[in-house]
């Protein structure tokens, strides 16, 4: 498998959102919200952008406090945090001002606990120095944010990650796989994965192993009939490549008439 990132429709949506955010009018509206179901590539895409932009990446978890968040932020910005909350906040403030680096909060739903205190402490810093703040979570977070005026009014762009299309699967196959995957097999990959990128990558890896083992330049659906592509996460049952259904062509009325004349 090649260690590359495919330019899928979700990647294009995200980059369009970043472009719209950069062209915003009100500078305090500096939040980008990225939402979507698990497996649609949110974290992978945002991580890639984070590396390019030298963004600060923080991941939420249950039980977080503003003091803990400030400590993680300071460490990611290259210093050891002070012990008291007041000094830690001033330390983070100076580092954010000097660095001007975007800040990403993955699993952002955990920053909304306890009246969104954890998110508020970060927002106060990004607002003050007009730093981009990216929130990444599942779609349900939009309802929670809508109830928080001080936050919702600052969300400039919402990017909704979608399931992969057939074209997305083909792009992933071309970019990631070291053997050629026939179009008929990409359709089967989409069927079994439901467009979840995490599962698509696993399926591509299975095809690549099969192709290399058999010395195949191109792997077709017919070649892999009965082989396992992925597993159903609910019961770990294997999802196997199905046989292609042969389309039975029915004779047209004209063809049936001609056939009868031949018999006579």
C-alpha atoms as a PDB file:
ATOM      1  CA  UNK A   1       0.000   0.000   0.000  1.00  0.00           C
ATOM      2  CA  UNK A   2       1.265   3.446  -0.884  1.00  0.00           C
ATOM      3  CA  UNK A   3       1.325   5.927   1.984  1.00  0.00           C
ATOM      4  CA  UNK A   4      -0.476   8.711   0.173  1.00  0.00           C
ATOM      5  CA  UNK A   5      -3.694  10.658   0.651  1.00  0.00           C
ATOM      6  CA  UNK A   6      -6.252  10.510  -2.139  1.00  0.00           C
ATOM      7  CA  UNK A   7      -7.866  13.724  -3.346  1.00  0.00           C
ATOM      8  CA  UNK A   8     -11.420  12.548  -2.718  1.00  0.00           C
ATOM      9  CA  UNK A   9     -14.629  14.582  -2.753  1.00  0.00           C
ATOM     10  CA  UNK A  10     -14.396  14.933   1.055  1.00  0.00           C
ATOM     11  CA  UNK A  11     -10.886  16.340   0.764  1.00  0.00           C
ATOM     12  CA  UNK A  12     -12.177  18.835  -1.790  1.00  0.00           C
ATOM     13  CA  UNK A  13     -15.074  19.793   0.512  1.00  0.00           C
ATOM     14  CA  UNK A  14     -12.685  20.410   3.385  1.00  0.00           C
ATOM     15  CA  UNK A  15     -10.267  22.519   1.350  1.00  0.00           C
ATOM     16  CA  UNK A  16     -13.193  24.534  -0.035  1.00  0.00           C
ATOM     17  CA  UNK A  17     -14.296  25.140   3.561  1.00  0.00           C
ATOM     18  CA  UNK A  18     -10.819  26.320   4.524  1.00  0.00           C
ATOM     19  CA  UNK A  19     -10.817  28.669   1.540  1.00  0.00           C
ATOM     20  CA  UNK A  20     -14.194  30.100   2.535  1.00  0.00           C
ATOM     21  CA  UNK A  21     -12.980  30.601   6.104  1.00  0.00           C
ATOM     22  CA  UNK A  22      -9.911  32.489   4.935  1.00  0.00           C
ATOM     23  CA  UNK A  23     -12.155  34.821   2.943  1.00  0.00           C
ATOM     24  CA  UNK A  24     -14.522  35.507   5.840  1.00  0.00           C
ATOM     25  CA  UNK A  25     -15.716  39.024   6.629  1.00  0.00           C
ATOM     26  CA  UNK A  26     -15.931  39.134  10.431  1.00  0.00           C
ATOM     27  CA  UNK A  27     -12.514  38.141  11.791  1.00  0.00           C
ATOM     28  CA  UNK A  28     -14.008  36.779  15.018  1.00  0.00           C
ATOM     29  CA  UNK A  29     -16.012  34.233  12.974  1.00  0.00           C
ATOM     30  CA  UNK A  30     -12.929  32.045  12.831  1.00  0.00           C
ATOM     31  CA  UNK A  31     -14.379  28.580  13.506  1.00  0.00           C
ATOM     32  CA  UNK A  32     -14.585  25.755  10.986  1.00  0.00           C
ATOM     33  CA  UNK A  33     -16.855  22.849  11.960  1.00  0.00           C
ATOM     34  CA  UNK A  34     -16.153  19.459  10.358  1.00  0.00           C
ATOM     35  CA  UNK A  35     -18.868  16.843  10.909  1.00  0.00           C
ATOM     36  CA  UNK A  36     -19.637  13.350   9.666  1.00  0.00           C
ATOM     37  CA  UNK A  37     -20.188   9.747  10.697  1.00  0.00           C
ATOM     38  CA  UNK A  38     -17.251   7.579  11.818  1.00  0.00           C
ATOM     39  CA  UNK A  39     -15.202   6.208   8.942  1.00  0.00           C
ATOM     40  CA  UNK A  40     -15.779   9.084   6.529  1.00  0.00           C
ATOM     41  CA  UNK A  41     -12.208  10.358   6.811  1.00  0.00           C
ATOM     42  CA  UNK A  42     -12.585  13.401   9.071  1.00  0.00           C
ATOM     43  CA  UNK A  43      -9.524  12.826  11.219  1.00  0.00           C
ATOM     44  CA  UNK A  44      -7.308  11.641   8.344  1.00  0.00           C
ATOM     45  CA  UNK A  45      -8.069  14.704   6.237  1.00  0.00           C
ATOM     46  CA  UNK A  46      -7.729  17.170   9.106  1.00  0.00           C
ATOM     47  CA  UNK A  47      -4.446  15.575  10.237  1.00  0.00           C
ATOM     48  CA  UNK A  48      -3.003  15.959   6.756  1.00  0.00           C
ATOM     49  CA  UNK A  49      -3.975  19.635   6.703  1.00  0.00           C
ATOM     50  CA  UNK A  50      -2.552  20.045  10.219  1.00  0.00           C
ATOM     51  CA  UNK A  51       0.857  18.827   9.059  1.00  0.00           C
ATOM     52  CA  UNK A  52       0.839  21.184   6.087  1.00  0.00           C
ATOM     53  CA  UNK A  53      -0.218  24.199   8.166  1.00  0.00           C
ATOM     54  CA  UNK A  54       1.733  23.323  11.334  1.00  0.00           C
ATOM     55  CA  UNK A  55      -1.576  23.376  13.170  1.00  0.00           C
ATOM     56  CA  UNK A  56      -1.901  22.426  16.831  1.00  0.00           C
ATOM     57  CA  UNK A  57      -3.850  19.159  17.138  1.00  0.00           C
ATOM     58  CA  UNK A  58      -5.718  18.309  20.357  1.00  0.00           C
ATOM     59  CA  UNK A  59      -8.064  15.345  20.856  1.00  0.00           C
ATOM     60  CA  UNK A  60     -10.912  15.485  23.370  1.00  0.00           C
ATOM     61  CA  UNK A  61     -11.768  12.786  25.908  1.00  0.00           C
ATOM     62  CA  UNK A  62     -14.197  12.356  28.806  1.00  0.00           C
ATOM     63  CA  UNK A  63     -13.440  14.204  32.030  1.00  0.00           C
ATOM     64  CA  UNK A  64     -11.430  17.049  30.545  1.00  0.00           C
ATOM     65  CA  UNK A  65     -11.103  20.352  32.425  1.00  0.00           C
ATOM     66  CA  UNK A  66     -10.012  23.811  31.209  1.00  0.00           C
ATOM     67  CA  UNK A  67      -6.812  23.408  33.252  1.00  0.00           C
ATOM     68  CA  UNK A  68      -5.988  20.154  31.426  1.00  0.00           C
ATOM     69  CA  UNK A  69      -6.801  21.651  28.025  1.00  0.00           C
ATOM     70  CA  UNK A  70      -4.500  24.614  28.620  1.00  0.00           C
ATOM     71  CA  UNK A  71      -1.738  22.227  29.675  1.00  0.00           C
ATOM     72  CA  UNK A  72      -2.056  20.169  26.490  1.00  0.00           C
ATOM     73  CA  UNK A  73      -2.176  23.312  24.372  1.00  0.00           C
ATOM     74  CA  UNK A  74       0.997  24.689  25.959  1.00  0.00           C
ATOM     75  CA  UNK A  75       2.844  21.382  25.472  1.00  0.00           C
ATOM     76  CA  UNK A  76       1.824  21.210  21.812  1.00  0.00           C
ATOM     77  CA  UNK A  77       3.161  24.745  21.422  1.00  0.00           C
ATOM     78  CA  UNK A  78       6.532  23.645  22.754  1.00  0.00           C
ATOM     79  CA  UNK A  79       6.691  24.539  26.444  1.00  0.00           C
ATOM     80  CA  UNK A  80       6.119  22.863  29.793  1.00  0.00           C
ATOM     81  CA  UNK A  81       2.948  24.330  31.357  1.00  0.00           C
ATOM     82  CA  UNK A  82       2.921  26.214  34.647  1.00  0.00           C
ATOM     83  CA  UNK A  83       1.066  24.642  37.559  1.00  0.00           C
ATOM     84  CA  UNK A  84      -1.487  27.326  38.400  1.00  0.00           C
ATOM     85  CA  UNK A  85      -4.402  27.939  36.031  1.00  0.00           C
ATOM     86  CA  UNK A  86      -3.848  31.693  35.903  1.00  0.00           C
ATOM     87  CA  UNK A  87      -0.171  31.444  34.926  1.00  0.00           C
ATOM     88  CA  UNK A  88      -0.955  28.592  32.532  1.00  0.00           C
ATOM     89  CA  UNK A  89      -3.567  30.716  30.749  1.00  0.00           C
ATOM     90  CA  UNK A  90      -1.168  33.646  30.352  1.00  0.00           C
ATOM     91  CA  UNK A  91       1.489  31.238  29.069  1.00  0.00           C
ATOM     92  CA  UNK A  92      -0.917  29.783  26.484  1.00  0.00           C
ATOM     93  CA  UNK A  93      -2.019  33.278  25.500  1.00  0.00           C
ATOM     94  CA  UNK A  94       1.535  34.357  24.725  1.00  0.00           C
ATOM     95  CA  UNK A  95       2.288  31.183  22.741  1.00  0.00           C
ATOM     96  CA  UNK A  96      -0.903  31.463  20.668  1.00  0.00           C
ATOM     97  CA  UNK A  97      -0.166  35.126  19.929  1.00  0.00           C
ATOM     98  CA  UNK A  98       3.406  34.443  18.854  1.00  0.00           C
ATOM     99  CA  UNK A  99       2.725  31.233  16.928  1.00  0.00           C
ATOM    100  CA  UNK A 100      -0.433  32.216  15.020  1.00  0.00           C
ATOM    101  CA  UNK A 101      -0.971  28.503  14.324  1.00  0.00           C
ATOM    102  CA  UNK A 102      -4.447  27.065  13.641  1.00  0.00           C
ATOM    103  CA  UNK A 103      -5.848  24.941  16.476  1.00  0.00           C
ATOM    104  CA  UNK A 104      -7.753  21.698  15.862  1.00  0.00           C
ATOM    105  CA  UNK A 105     -10.042  20.131  18.466  1.00  0.00           C
ATOM    106  CA  UNK A 106     -10.845  16.560  17.422  1.00  0.00           C
ATOM    107  CA  UNK A 107     -13.621  14.663  19.236  1.00  0.00           C
ATOM    108  CA  UNK A 108     -14.950  18.150  19.906  1.00  0.00           C
ATOM    109  CA  UNK A 109     -18.064  16.875  21.695  1.00  0.00           C
ATOM    110  CA  UNK A 110     -15.948  16.387  24.829  1.00  0.00           C
ATOM    111  CA  UNK A 111     -15.050  20.096  24.855  1.00  0.00           C
ATOM    112  CA  UNK A 112     -18.764  20.935  25.209  1.00  0.00           C
ATOM    113  CA  UNK A 113     -19.215  19.318  28.639  1.00  0.00           C
ATOM    114  CA  UNK A 114     -19.915  21.499  31.692  1.00  0.00           C
ATOM    115  CA  UNK A 115     -21.328  24.441  29.746  1.00  0.00           C
ATOM    116  CA  UNK A 116     -18.574  24.148  27.139  1.00  0.00           C
ATOM    117  CA  UNK A 117     -15.952  25.496  29.553  1.00  0.00           C
ATOM    118  CA  UNK A 118     -13.114  23.640  27.794  1.00  0.00           C
ATOM    119  CA  UNK A 119     -14.096  25.023  24.411  1.00  0.00           C
ATOM    120  CA  UNK A 120     -14.585  28.502  25.835  1.00  0.00           C
ATOM    121  CA  UNK A 121     -11.062  28.679  27.211  1.00  0.00           C
ATOM    122  CA  UNK A 122      -9.618  27.862  23.772  1.00  0.00           C
ATOM    123  CA  UNK A 123     -12.087  30.117  21.965  1.00  0.00           C
ATOM    124  CA  UNK A 124     -11.119  33.074  24.145  1.00  0.00           C
ATOM    125  CA  UNK A 125      -7.547  32.720  22.878  1.00  0.00           C
ATOM    126  CA  UNK A 126      -8.335  32.156  19.197  1.00  0.00           C
ATOM    127  CA  UNK A 127     -10.822  35.042  19.189  1.00  0.00           C
ATOM    128  CA  UNK A 128      -8.367  37.465  20.720  1.00  0.00           C
ATOM    129  CA  UNK A 129      -5.616  36.757  18.192  1.00  0.00           C
ATOM    130  CA  UNK A 130      -7.812  35.852  15.185  1.00  0.00           C
ATOM    131  CA  UNK A 131      -6.491  32.297  15.011  1.00  0.00           C
ATOM    132  CA  UNK A 132      -8.436  29.653  13.077  1.00  0.00           C
ATOM    133  CA  UNK A 133     -10.170  27.061  15.286  1.00  0.00           C
ATOM    134  CA  UNK A 134     -11.289  23.766  13.703  1.00  0.00           C
ATOM    135  CA  UNK A 135     -13.824  21.565  15.510  1.00  0.00           C
ATOM    136  CA  UNK A 136     -14.140  17.929  14.409  1.00  0.00           C
ATOM    137  CA  UNK A 137     -16.992  15.705  15.549  1.00  0.00           C
ATOM    138  CA  UNK A 138     -20.069  13.741  14.556  1.00  0.00           C
ATOM    139  CA  UNK A 139     -23.014  15.557  13.026  1.00  0.00           C
ATOM    140  CA  UNK A 140     -25.026  15.596  16.273  1.00  0.00           C
ATOM    141  CA  UNK A 141     -22.703  18.263  17.665  1.00  0.00           C
ATOM    142  CA  UNK A 142     -24.435  20.877  15.516  1.00  0.00           C
ATOM    143  CA  UNK A 143     -27.547  20.731  17.701  1.00  0.00           C
ATOM    144  CA  UNK A 144     -25.476  21.327  20.832  1.00  0.00           C
ATOM    145  CA  UNK A 145     -23.530  24.195  19.301  1.00  0.00           C
ATOM    146  CA  UNK A 146     -26.747  25.810  18.060  1.00  0.00           C
ATOM    147  CA  UNK A 147     -27.801  26.260  21.711  1.00  0.00           C
ATOM    148  CA  UNK A 148     -24.593  28.139  22.562  1.00  0.00           C
ATOM    149  CA  UNK A 149     -24.862  31.604  21.027  1.00  0.00           C
ATOM    150  CA  UNK A 150     -21.322  32.656  21.926  1.00  0.00           C
ATOM    151  CA  UNK A 151     -20.007  29.683  19.932  1.00  0.00           C
ATOM    152  CA  UNK A 152     -22.533  29.239  17.113  1.00  0.00           C
ATOM    153  CA  UNK A 153     -22.173  32.888  16.074  1.00  0.00           C
ATOM    154  CA  UNK A 154     -18.472  32.270  15.472  1.00  0.00           C
ATOM    155  CA  UNK A 155     -18.862  29.217  13.235  1.00  0.00           C
ATOM    156  CA  UNK A 156     -18.120  30.565   9.777  1.00  0.00           C
ATOM    157  CA  UNK A 157     -18.189  27.323   7.765  1.00  0.00           C
ATOM    158  CA  UNK A 158     -19.608  23.813   8.263  1.00  0.00           C
ATOM    159  CA  UNK A 159     -18.062  20.975   6.231  1.00  0.00           C
ATOM    160  CA  UNK A 160     -20.138  17.781   6.095  1.00  0.00           C
ATOM    161  CA  UNK A 161     -18.183  14.647   5.249  1.00  0.00           C
ATOM    162  CA  UNK A 162     -20.107  12.249   3.003  1.00  0.00           C
ATOM    163  CA  UNK A 163     -19.803   8.540   2.134  1.00  0.00           C
ATOM    164  CA  UNK A 164     -17.410   7.785  -0.699  1.00  0.00           C
ATOM    165  CA  UNK A 165     -18.810   7.698  -4.216  1.00  0.00           C
ATOM    166  CA  UNK A 166     -17.788   5.134  -6.828  1.00  0.00           C
ATOM    167  CA  UNK A 167     -15.430   7.735  -8.303  1.00  0.00           C
ATOM    168  CA  UNK A 168     -13.885   8.254  -4.843  1.00  0.00           C
ATOM    169  CA  UNK A 169     -13.266   4.507  -4.521  1.00  0.00           C
ATOM    170  CA  UNK A 170     -11.578   4.455  -7.936  1.00  0.00           C
ATOM    171  CA  UNK A 171      -9.358   7.372  -6.920  1.00  0.00           C
ATOM    172  CA  UNK A 172      -8.394   5.598  -3.681  1.00  0.00           C
ATOM    173  CA  UNK A 173      -7.598   2.396  -5.577  1.00  0.00           C
ATOM    174  CA  UNK A 174      -5.398   4.223  -8.090  1.00  0.00           C
ATOM    175  CA  UNK A 175      -3.537   6.227  -5.450  1.00  0.00           C
ATOM    176  CA  UNK A 176      -3.124   3.624  -2.697  1.00  0.00           C
ATOM    177  CA  UNK A 177      -2.943   0.202  -4.314  1.00  0.00           C
ATOM    178  CA  UNK A 178       0.263  -1.183  -5.822  1.00  0.00           C
ATOM    179  CA  UNK A 179      -1.663  -3.452  -8.202  1.00  0.00           C
ATOM    180  CA  UNK A 180      -4.317  -2.370 -10.682  1.00  0.00           C
ATOM    181  CA  UNK A 181      -7.906  -2.862  -9.483  1.00  0.00           C
ATOM    182  CA  UNK A 182     -10.501  -3.349 -12.209  1.00  0.00           C
ATOM    183  CA  UNK A 183     -13.597  -1.141 -12.207  1.00  0.00           C
ATOM    184  CA  UNK A 184     -15.867  -4.149 -11.652  1.00  0.00           C
ATOM    185  CA  UNK A 185     -14.072  -4.788  -8.346  1.00  0.00           C
ATOM    186  CA  UNK A 186     -14.227  -1.156  -7.204  1.00  0.00           C
ATOM    187  CA  UNK A 187     -18.013  -1.429  -7.434  1.00  0.00           C
ATOM    188  CA  UNK A 188     -17.864  -4.438  -5.113  1.00  0.00           C
ATOM    189  CA  UNK A 189     -15.640  -2.537  -2.676  1.00  0.00           C
ATOM    190  CA  UNK A 190     -18.160   0.307  -2.533  1.00  0.00           C
ATOM    191  CA  UNK A 191     -21.034  -2.147  -2.000  1.00  0.00           C
ATOM    192  CA  UNK A 192     -19.386  -3.912   0.949  1.00  0.00           C
ATOM    193  CA  UNK A 193     -17.970  -0.819   2.674  1.00  0.00           C
ATOM    194  CA  UNK A 194     -20.949   1.503   2.387  1.00  0.00           C
ATOM    195  CA  UNK A 195     -18.573   4.293   1.406  1.00  0.00           C
ATOM    196  CA  UNK A 196     -16.642   4.289   4.702  1.00  0.00           C
ATOM    197  CA  UNK A 197     -13.070   5.223   3.902  1.00  0.00           C
ATOM    198  CA  UNK A 198     -11.591   3.265   6.783  1.00  0.00           C
ATOM    199  CA  UNK A 199     -13.125   0.068   5.419  1.00  0.00           C
ATOM    200  CA  UNK A 200     -12.269   1.003   1.831  1.00  0.00           C
ATOM    201  CA  UNK A 201      -8.580   1.167   2.774  1.00  0.00           C
ATOM    202  CA  UNK A 202      -8.830  -2.262   4.447  1.00  0.00           C
ATOM    203  CA  UNK A 203     -10.514  -3.693   1.343  1.00  0.00           C
ATOM    204  CA  UNK A 204      -7.840  -2.238  -0.945  1.00  0.00           C
ATOM    205  CA  UNK A 205      -5.163  -3.834   1.247  1.00  0.00           C
ATOM    206  CA  UNK A 206      -6.914  -7.214   0.894  1.00  0.00           C
ATOM    207  CA  UNK A 207      -7.022  -6.846  -2.899  1.00  0.00           C
ATOM    208  CA  UNK A 208      -3.357  -5.867  -3.020  1.00  0.00           C
ATOM    209  CA  UNK A 209      -2.329  -8.926  -0.979  1.00  0.00           C
ATOM    210  CA  UNK A 210      -4.380 -11.171  -3.272  1.00  0.00           C
ATOM    211  CA  UNK A 211      -2.919  -9.607  -6.403  1.00  0.00           C
ATOM    212  CA  UNK A 212       0.697  -9.802  -5.250  1.00  0.00           C
ATOM    213  CA  UNK A 213       0.269 -13.370  -4.044  1.00  0.00           C
ATOM    214  CA  UNK A 214      -1.074 -14.402  -7.440  1.00  0.00           C
ATOM    215  CA  UNK A 215       1.325 -12.282  -9.461  1.00  0.00           C
ATOM    216  CA  UNK A 216      -1.571 -10.397 -11.071  1.00  0.00           C
ATOM    217  CA  UNK A 217      -1.122  -7.073 -12.828  1.00  0.00           C
ATOM    218  CA  UNK A 218      -4.876  -6.399 -12.738  1.00  0.00           C
ATOM    219  CA  UNK A 219      -7.248  -7.831 -10.123  1.00  0.00           C
ATOM    220  CA  UNK A 220     -10.808  -8.361 -11.332  1.00  0.00           C
ATOM    221  CA  UNK A 221     -13.984  -9.198  -9.491  1.00  0.00           C
ATOM    222  CA  UNK A 222     -14.136 -12.597 -11.189  1.00  0.00           C
ATOM    223  CA  UNK A 223     -10.646 -13.443  -9.926  1.00  0.00           C
ATOM    224  CA  UNK A 224     -11.607 -12.693  -6.316  1.00  0.00           C
ATOM    225  CA  UNK A 225     -15.022 -14.381  -6.103  1.00  0.00           C
ATOM    226  CA  UNK A 226     -15.376 -15.847  -2.606  1.00  0.00           C
ATOM    227  CA  UNK A 227     -12.391 -13.941  -1.204  1.00  0.00           C
ATOM    228  CA  UNK A 228     -12.831 -11.814   1.929  1.00  0.00           C
ATOM    229  CA  UNK A 229     -12.786  -8.047   1.331  1.00  0.00           C
ATOM    230  CA  UNK A 230     -13.761  -6.744   4.760  1.00  0.00           C
ATOM    231  CA  UNK A 231     -15.526  -7.837   7.954  1.00  0.00           C
ATOM    232  CA  UNK A 232     -18.857  -6.678   9.339  1.00  0.00           C
ATOM    233  CA  UNK A 233     -17.926  -4.799  12.526  1.00  0.00           C
ATOM    234  CA  UNK A 234     -21.160  -5.855  14.244  1.00  0.00           C
ATOM    235  CA  UNK A 235     -20.462  -9.595  14.318  1.00  0.00           C
ATOM    236  CA  UNK A 236     -17.058  -9.885  12.596  1.00  0.00           C
ATOM    237  CA  UNK A 237     -18.639 -11.910   9.795  1.00  0.00           C
ATOM    238  CA  UNK A 238     -16.612 -11.832   6.547  1.00  0.00           C
ATOM    239  CA  UNK A 239     -17.832  -9.884   3.534  1.00  0.00           C
ATOM    240  CA  UNK A 240     -16.865 -11.832   0.451  1.00  0.00           C
ATOM    241  CA  UNK A 241     -16.645 -10.869  -3.208  1.00  0.00           C
ATOM    242  CA  UNK A 242     -19.839 -11.966  -4.960  1.00  0.00           C
ATOM    243  CA  UNK A 243     -20.178 -13.505  -8.375  1.00  0.00           C
ATOM    244  CA  UNK A 244     -21.173 -11.107 -11.108  1.00  0.00           C
ATOM    245  CA  UNK A 245     -24.750 -11.567 -12.220  1.00  0.00           C
ATOM    246  CA  UNK A 246     -24.973 -12.261 -15.889  1.00  0.00           C
ATOM    247  CA  UNK A 247     -27.609 -10.149 -17.533  1.00  0.00           C
ATOM    248  CA  UNK A 248     -30.086 -12.270 -19.520  1.00  0.00           C
ATOM    249  CA  UNK A 249     -30.957 -10.437 -22.708  1.00  0.00           C
ATOM    250  CA  UNK A 250     -34.558 -10.886 -23.745  1.00  0.00           C
ATOM    251  CA  UNK A 251     -35.320 -11.083 -27.436  1.00  0.00           C
ATOM    252  CA  UNK A 252     -37.174  -8.166 -28.965  1.00  0.00           C
ATOM    253  CA  UNK A 253     -40.503  -8.783 -30.777  1.00  0.00           C
ATOM    254  CA  UNK A 254     -38.697  -8.338 -34.113  1.00  0.00           C
ATOM    255  CA  UNK A 255     -36.094 -10.956 -33.144  1.00  0.00           C
ATOM    256  CA  UNK A 256     -38.801 -13.412 -32.077  1.00  0.00           C
ATOM    257  CA  UNK A 257     -40.616 -12.945 -35.398  1.00  0.00           C
ATOM    258  CA  UNK A 258     -37.398 -13.564 -37.342  1.00  0.00           C
ATOM    259  CA  UNK A 259     -36.744 -16.688 -35.296  1.00  0.00           C
ATOM    260  CA  UNK A 260     -40.180 -18.113 -36.126  1.00  0.00           C
ATOM    261  CA  UNK A 261     -39.643 -17.464 -39.824  1.00  0.00           C
ATOM    262  CA  UNK A 262     -36.334 -19.371 -39.703  1.00  0.00           C
ATOM    263  CA  UNK A 263     -38.063 -22.370 -38.090  1.00  0.00           C
ATOM    264  CA  UNK A 264     -40.666 -22.436 -40.867  1.00  0.00           C
END
